[in-house]
Amino acid sequence: MNNIGVYIKRKENKLLQREVAEKIGISNQSYYLKETGKRDFTIPEAKRLAILYNCKLDDLFGREVNAQ
């Protein structure tokens, strides 16, 4: 999964990985692995990120995510 949008939104909001991990309810290590593309965010995690950043899933992950 392309997670560059997640990284960009985090930097735009001046948040640390550990801060975002805490806000979406996952461990720091898990967040790191997911943001760097070594693991995938679950749909609920992705939705929490979209709510946190007040954006659409497409803004975070591109058009490949279909959360219907």
PDB file of N, CA and C in Angstrom:
ATOM      1  N   MET A   1       0.840  -1.178   0.000  1.00  0.00           N
ATOM      2  CA  MET A   1       0.000   0.000   0.000  1.00  0.00           C
ATOM      3  C   MET A   1       0.887   1.244   0.000  1.00  0.00           C
ATOM      4  N   ASN A   2       0.472   2.239  -0.738  1.00  0.00           N
ATOM      5  CA  ASN A   2       1.203   3.493  -0.820  1.00  0.00           C
ATOM      6  C   ASN A   2       0.827   4.370   0.366  1.00  0.00           C
ATOM      7  N   ASN A   3       1.758   4.587   1.284  1.00  0.00           N
ATOM      8  CA  ASN A   3       1.468   5.341   2.495  1.00  0.00           C
ATOM      9  C   ASN A   3       2.123   6.710   2.520  1.00  0.00           C
ATOM     10  N   ILE A   4       2.566   7.209   1.382  1.00  0.00           N
ATOM     11  CA  ILE A   4       3.243   8.504   1.354  1.00  0.00           C
ATOM     12  C   ILE A   4       2.309   9.621   1.806  1.00  0.00           C
ATOM     13  N   GLY A   5       1.026   9.493   1.506  1.00  0.00           N
ATOM     14  CA  GLY A   5       0.054  10.498   1.939  1.00  0.00           C
ATOM     15  C   GLY A   5      -0.051  10.567   3.451  1.00  0.00           C
ATOM     16  N   VAL A   6       0.080   9.426   4.119  1.00  0.00           N
ATOM     17  CA  VAL A   6       0.027   9.375   5.582  1.00  0.00           C
ATOM     18  C   VAL A   6       1.214  10.140   6.152  1.00  0.00           C
ATOM     19  N   TYR A   7       2.378   9.911   5.584  1.00  0.00           N
ATOM     20  CA  TYR A   7       3.597  10.612   6.021  1.00  0.00           C
ATOM     21  C   TYR A   7       3.452  12.119   5.810  1.00  0.00           C
ATOM     22  N   ILE A   8       2.975  12.507   4.643  1.00  0.00           N
ATOM     23  CA  ILE A   8       2.839  13.927   4.312  1.00  0.00           C
ATOM     24  C   ILE A   8       1.855  14.609   5.257  1.00  0.00           C
ATOM     25  N   LYS A   9       0.705  13.978   5.492  1.00  0.00           N
ATOM     26  CA  LYS A   9      -0.287  14.569   6.398  1.00  0.00           C
ATOM     27  C   LYS A   9       0.267  14.694   7.817  1.00  0.00           C
ATOM     28  N   ARG A  10       1.016  13.697   8.258  1.00  0.00           N
ATOM     29  CA  ARG A  10       1.604  13.763   9.598  1.00  0.00           C
ATOM     30  C   ARG A  10       2.568  14.943   9.690  1.00  0.00           C
ATOM     31  N   LYS A  11       3.411  15.106   8.680  1.00  0.00           N
ATOM     32  CA  LYS A  11       4.375  16.215   8.684  1.00  0.00           C
ATOM     33  C   LYS A  11       3.664  17.565   8.592  1.00  0.00           C
ATOM     34  N   GLU A  12       2.625  17.654   7.757  1.00  0.00           N
ATOM     35  CA  GLU A  12       1.870  18.905   7.635  1.00  0.00           C
ATOM     36  C   GLU A  12       1.242  19.310   8.972  1.00  0.00           C
ATOM     37  N   ASN A  13       0.856  18.313   9.749  1.00  0.00           N
ATOM     38  CA  ASN A  13       0.227  18.570  11.041  1.00  0.00           C
ATOM     39  C   ASN A  13       1.228  18.623  12.187  1.00  0.00           C
ATOM     40  N   LYS A  14       2.502  18.524  11.851  1.00  0.00           N
ATOM     41  CA  LYS A  14       3.594  18.631  12.832  1.00  0.00           C
ATOM     42  C   LYS A  14       3.416  17.666  14.000  1.00  0.00           C
ATOM     43  N   LEU A  15       3.109  16.405  13.652  1.00  0.00           N
ATOM     44  CA  LEU A  15       2.939  15.360  14.659  1.00  0.00           C
ATOM     45  C   LEU A  15       4.068  14.351  14.570  1.00  0.00           C
ATOM     46  N   LEU A  16       4.415  13.767  15.691  1.00  0.00           N
ATOM     47  CA  LEU A  16       5.381  12.674  15.733  1.00  0.00           C
ATOM     48  C   LEU A  16       4.642  11.361  15.495  1.00  0.00           C
ATOM     49  N   GLN A  17       5.374  10.347  15.036  1.00  0.00           N
ATOM     50  CA  GLN A  17       4.759   9.042  14.816  1.00  0.00           C
ATOM     51  C   GLN A  17       4.090   8.534  16.089  1.00  0.00           C
ATOM     52  N   ARG A  18       4.746   8.700  17.226  1.00  0.00           N
ATOM     53  CA  ARG A  18       4.183   8.195  18.485  1.00  0.00           C
ATOM     54  C   ARG A  18       2.895   8.915  18.844  1.00  0.00           C
ATOM     55  N   GLU A  19       2.779  10.196  18.489  1.00  0.00           N
ATOM     56  CA  GLU A  19       1.553  10.941  18.760  1.00  0.00           C
ATOM     57  C   GLU A  19       0.388  10.417  17.928  1.00  0.00           C
ATOM     58  N   VAL A  20       0.655  10.161  16.660  1.00  0.00           N
ATOM     59  CA  VAL A  20      -0.389   9.629  15.784  1.00  0.00           C
ATOM     60  C   VAL A  20      -0.772   8.219  16.221  1.00  0.00           C
ATOM     61  N   ALA A  21       0.217   7.408  16.552  1.00  0.00           N
ATOM     62  CA  ALA A  21      -0.051   6.045  17.017  1.00  0.00           C
ATOM     63  C   ALA A  21      -0.987   6.071  18.216  1.00  0.00           C
ATOM     64  N   GLU A  22      -0.712   6.943  19.154  1.00  0.00           N
ATOM     65  CA  GLU A  22      -1.552   7.055  20.351  1.00  0.00           C
ATOM     66  C   GLU A  22      -2.972   7.492  19.987  1.00  0.00           C
ATOM     67  N   LYS A  23      -3.078   8.458  19.076  1.00  0.00           N
ATOM     68  CA  LYS A  23      -4.386   8.982  18.699  1.00  0.00           C
ATOM     69  C   LYS A  23      -5.253   7.943  17.983  1.00  0.00           C
ATOM     70  N   ILE A  24      -4.623   7.031  17.228  1.00  0.00           N
ATOM     71  CA  ILE A  24      -5.427   6.027  16.520  1.00  0.00           C
ATOM     72  C   ILE A  24      -5.447   4.682  17.237  1.00  0.00           C
ATOM     73  N   GLY A  25      -4.780   4.604  18.379  1.00  0.00           N
ATOM     74  CA  GLY A  25      -4.884   3.428  19.230  1.00  0.00           C
ATOM     75  C   GLY A  25      -4.033   2.232  18.856  1.00  0.00           C
ATOM     76  N   ILE A  26      -2.821   2.496  18.335  1.00  0.00           N
ATOM     77  CA  ILE A  26      -1.898   1.403  18.035  1.00  0.00           C
ATOM     78  C   ILE A  26      -0.531   1.716  18.652  1.00  0.00           C
ATOM     79  N   SER A  27       0.343   0.721  18.689  1.00  0.00           N
ATOM     80  CA  SER A  27       1.669   0.930  19.262  1.00  0.00           C
ATOM     81  C   SER A  27       2.540   1.772  18.334  1.00  0.00           C
ATOM     82  N   ASN A  28       3.562   2.366  18.921  1.00  0.00           N
ATOM     83  CA  ASN A  28       4.522   3.161  18.132  1.00  0.00           C
ATOM     84  C   ASN A  28       5.172   2.305  17.050  1.00  0.00           C
ATOM     85  N   GLN A  29       5.590   1.098  17.429  1.00  0.00           N
ATOM     86  CA  GLN A  29       6.262   0.213  16.480  1.00  0.00           C
ATOM     87  C   GLN A  29       5.333  -0.170  15.335  1.00  0.00           C
ATOM     88  N   SER A  30       4.100  -0.482  15.668  1.00  0.00           N
ATOM     89  CA  SER A  30       3.128  -0.844  14.642  1.00  0.00           C
ATOM     90  C   SER A  30       2.902   0.320  13.682  1.00  0.00           C
ATOM     91  N   TYR A  31       2.774   1.518  14.224  1.00  0.00           N
ATOM     92  CA  TYR A  31       2.577   2.688  13.376  1.00  0.00           C
ATOM     93  C   TYR A  31       3.763   2.882  12.439  1.00  0.00           C
ATOM     94  N   TYR A  32       4.972   2.775  12.978  1.00  0.00           N
ATOM     95  CA  TYR A  32       6.177   2.924  12.162  1.00  0.00           C
ATOM     96  C   TYR A  32       6.159   1.943  10.989  1.00  0.00           C
ATOM     97  N   LEU A  33       5.864   0.681  11.281  1.00  0.00           N
ATOM     98  CA  LEU A  33       5.851  -0.338  10.231  1.00  0.00           C
ATOM     99  C   LEU A  33       4.800  -0.034   9.172  1.00  0.00           C
ATOM    100  N   LYS A  34       3.684   0.492   9.595  1.00  0.00           N
ATOM    101  CA  LYS A  34       2.599   0.797   8.667  1.00  0.00           C
ATOM    102  C   LYS A  34       2.895   2.052   7.845  1.00  0.00           C
ATOM    103  N   GLU A  35       3.401   3.085   8.483  1.00  0.00           N
ATOM    104  CA  GLU A  35       3.707   4.305   7.738  1.00  0.00           C
ATOM    105  C   GLU A  35       4.810   4.067   6.713  1.00  0.00           C
ATOM    106  N   THR A  36       5.759   3.207   7.032  1.00  0.00           N
ATOM    107  CA  THR A  36       6.861   2.943   6.110  1.00  0.00           C
ATOM    108  C   THR A  36       6.515   1.878   5.073  1.00  0.00           C
ATOM    109  N   GLY A  37       5.287   1.348   5.112  1.00  0.00           N
ATOM    110  CA  GLY A  37       4.846   0.409   4.088  1.00  0.00           C
ATOM    111  C   GLY A  37       5.227  -1.039   4.331  1.00  0.00           C
ATOM    112  N   LYS A  38       5.781  -1.336   5.479  1.00  0.00           N
ATOM    113  CA  LYS A  38       6.161  -2.719   5.786  1.00  0.00           C
ATOM    114  C   LYS A  38       4.953  -3.538   6.228  1.00  0.00           C
ATOM    115  N   ARG A  39       3.910  -2.856   6.685  1.00  0.00           N
ATOM    116  CA  ARG A  39       2.632  -3.464   7.047  1.00  0.00           C
ATOM    117  C   ARG A  39       1.530  -2.555   6.515  1.00  0.00           C
ATOM    118  N   ASP A  40       0.336  -3.084   6.421  1.00  0.00           N
ATOM    119  CA  ASP A  40      -0.801  -2.285   5.954  1.00  0.00           C
ATOM    120  C   ASP A  40      -1.647  -1.808   7.126  1.00  0.00           C
ATOM    121  N   PHE A  41      -2.181  -0.601   6.996  1.00  0.00           N
ATOM    122  CA  PHE A  41      -3.159  -0.124   7.961  1.00  0.00           C
ATOM    123  C   PHE A  41      -4.445  -0.915   7.759  1.00  0.00           C
ATOM    124  N   THR A  42      -5.132  -1.229   8.844  1.00  0.00           N
ATOM    125  CA  THR A  42      -6.452  -1.839   8.720  1.00  0.00           C
ATOM    126  C   THR A  42      -7.427  -0.749   8.272  1.00  0.00           C
ATOM    127  N   ILE A  43      -8.576  -1.161   7.786  1.00  0.00           N
ATOM    128  CA  ILE A  43      -9.582  -0.179   7.374  1.00  0.00           C
ATOM    129  C   ILE A  43     -10.001   0.705   8.555  1.00  0.00           C
ATOM    130  N   PRO A  44     -10.276   0.138   9.748  1.00  0.00           N
ATOM    131  CA  PRO A  44     -10.610   1.031  10.870  1.00  0.00           C
ATOM    132  C   PRO A  44      -9.491   2.023  11.213  1.00  0.00           C
ATOM    133  N   GLU A  45      -8.240   1.584  11.140  1.00  0.00           N
ATOM    134  CA  GLU A  45      -7.114   2.490  11.407  1.00  0.00           C
ATOM    135  C   GLU A  45      -7.054   3.592  10.350  1.00  0.00           C
ATOM    136  N   ALA A  46      -7.250   3.210   9.093  1.00  0.00           N
ATOM    137  CA  ALA A  46      -7.222   4.184   8.005  1.00  0.00           C
ATOM    138  C   ALA A  46      -8.337   5.207   8.175  1.00  0.00           C
ATOM    139  N   LYS A  47      -9.505   4.743   8.590  1.00  0.00           N
ATOM    140  CA  LYS A  47     -10.620   5.670   8.815  1.00  0.00           C
ATOM    141  C   LYS A  47     -10.308   6.626   9.971  1.00  0.00           C
ATOM    142  N   ARG A  48      -9.673   6.118  11.023  1.00  0.00           N
ATOM    143  CA  ARG A  48      -9.304   6.993  12.145  1.00  0.00           C
ATOM    144  C   ARG A  48      -8.278   8.040  11.697  1.00  0.00           C
ATOM    145  N   LEU A  49      -7.353   7.649  10.820  1.00  0.00           N
ATOM    146  CA  LEU A  49      -6.389   8.614  10.284  1.00  0.00           C
ATOM    147  C   LEU A  49      -7.099   9.694   9.480  1.00  0.00           C
ATOM    148  N   ALA A  50      -8.057   9.295   8.652  1.00  0.00           N
ATOM    149  CA  ALA A  50      -8.799  10.260   7.835  1.00  0.00           C
ATOM    150  C   ALA A  50      -9.562  11.239   8.723  1.00  0.00           C
ATOM    151  N   ILE A  51     -10.129  10.734   9.811  1.00  0.00           N
ATOM    152  CA  ILE A  51     -10.833  11.611  10.756  1.00  0.00           C
ATOM    153  C   ILE A  51      -9.837  12.547  11.441  1.00  0.00           C
ATOM    154  N   LEU A  52      -8.716  12.001  11.876  1.00  0.00           N
ATOM    155  CA  LEU A  52      -7.686  12.802  12.536  1.00  0.00           C
ATOM    156  C   LEU A  52      -7.231  13.961  11.652  1.00  0.00           C
ATOM    157  N   TYR A  53      -7.004  13.679  10.370  1.00  0.00           N
ATOM    158  CA  TYR A  53      -6.490  14.690   9.447  1.00  0.00           C
ATOM    159  C   TYR A  53      -7.585  15.422   8.685  1.00  0.00           C
ATOM    160  N   ASN A  54      -8.861  15.075   8.979  1.00  0.00           N
ATOM    161  CA  ASN A  54      -9.991  15.711   8.316  1.00  0.00           C
ATOM    162  C   ASN A  54      -9.842  15.657   6.791  1.00  0.00           C
ATOM    163  N   CYS A  55      -9.648  14.449   6.289  1.00  0.00           N
ATOM    164  CA  CYS A  55      -9.474  14.269   4.855  1.00  0.00           C
ATOM    165  C   CYS A  55     -10.117  12.952   4.427  1.00  0.00           C
ATOM    166  N   LYS A  56     -10.052  12.664   3.143  1.00  0.00           N
ATOM    167  CA  LYS A  56     -10.585  11.418   2.594  1.00  0.00           C
ATOM    168  C   LYS A  56      -9.501  10.355   2.584  1.00  0.00           C
ATOM    169  N   LEU A  57      -9.928   9.095   2.540  1.00  0.00           N
ATOM    170  CA  LEU A  57      -8.966   7.996   2.447  1.00  0.00           C
ATOM    171  C   LEU A  57      -8.095   8.132   1.203  1.00  0.00           C
ATOM    172  N   ASP A  58      -8.689   8.608   0.105  1.00  0.00           N
ATOM    173  CA  ASP A  58      -7.922   8.806  -1.129  1.00  0.00           C
ATOM    174  C   ASP A  58      -6.759   9.778  -0.924  1.00  0.00           C
ATOM    175  N   ASP A  59      -6.959  10.770  -0.071  1.00  0.00           N
ATOM    176  CA  ASP A  59      -5.891  11.743   0.203  1.00  0.00           C
ATOM    177  C   ASP A  59      -4.711  11.088   0.911  1.00  0.00           C
ATOM    178  N   LEU A  60      -4.992  10.059   1.697  1.00  0.00           N
ATOM    179  CA  LEU A  60      -3.943   9.381   2.458  1.00  0.00           C
ATOM    180  C   LEU A  60      -3.285   8.249   1.672  1.00  0.00           C
ATOM    181  N   PHE A  61      -4.099   7.504   0.931  1.00  0.00           N
ATOM    182  CA  PHE A  61      -3.593   6.261   0.320  1.00  0.00           C
ATOM    183  C   PHE A  61      -3.718   6.218  -1.192  1.00  0.00           C
ATOM    184  N   GLY A  62      -4.241   7.239  -1.810  1.00  0.00           N
ATOM    185  CA  GLY A  62      -4.424   7.214  -3.242  1.00  0.00           C
ATOM    186  C   GLY A  62      -5.714   6.515  -3.614  1.00  0.00           C
ATOM    187  N   ARG A  63      -5.923   6.310  -4.853  1.00  0.00           N
ATOM    188  CA  ARG A  63      -7.179   5.747  -5.362  1.00  0.00           C
ATOM    189  C   ARG A  63      -7.301   4.249  -5.176  1.00  0.00           C
ATOM    190  N   GLU A  64      -6.251   3.573  -4.722  1.00  0.00           N
ATOM    191  CA  GLU A  64      -6.299   2.120  -4.615  1.00  0.00           C
ATOM    192  C   GLU A  64      -7.137   1.602  -3.446  1.00  0.00           C
ATOM    193  N   VAL A  65      -7.486   2.474  -2.497  1.00  0.00           N
ATOM    194  CA  VAL A  65      -8.265   2.056  -1.345  1.00  0.00           C
ATOM    195  C   VAL A  65      -9.747   2.157  -1.666  1.00  0.00           C
ATOM    196  N   ASN A  66     -10.480   1.068  -1.436  1.00  0.00           N
ATOM    197  CA  ASN A  66     -11.912   1.043  -1.635  1.00  0.00           C
ATOM    198  C   ASN A  66     -12.544   0.556  -0.349  1.00  0.00           C
ATOM    199  N   ALA A  67     -13.070   1.447   0.445  1.00  0.00           N
ATOM    200  CA  ALA A  67     -13.555   1.089   1.788  1.00  0.00           C
ATOM    201  C   ALA A  67     -15.071   0.968   1.836  1.00  0.00           C
ATOM    202  N   GLN A  68     -15.695   0.505   0.789  1.00  0.00           N
ATOM    203  CA  GLN A  68     -17.149   0.354   0.797  1.00  0.00           C
ATOM    204  C   GLN A  68     -17.581  -0.847   1.569  1.00  0.00           C
TER     205      GLN A  68
END
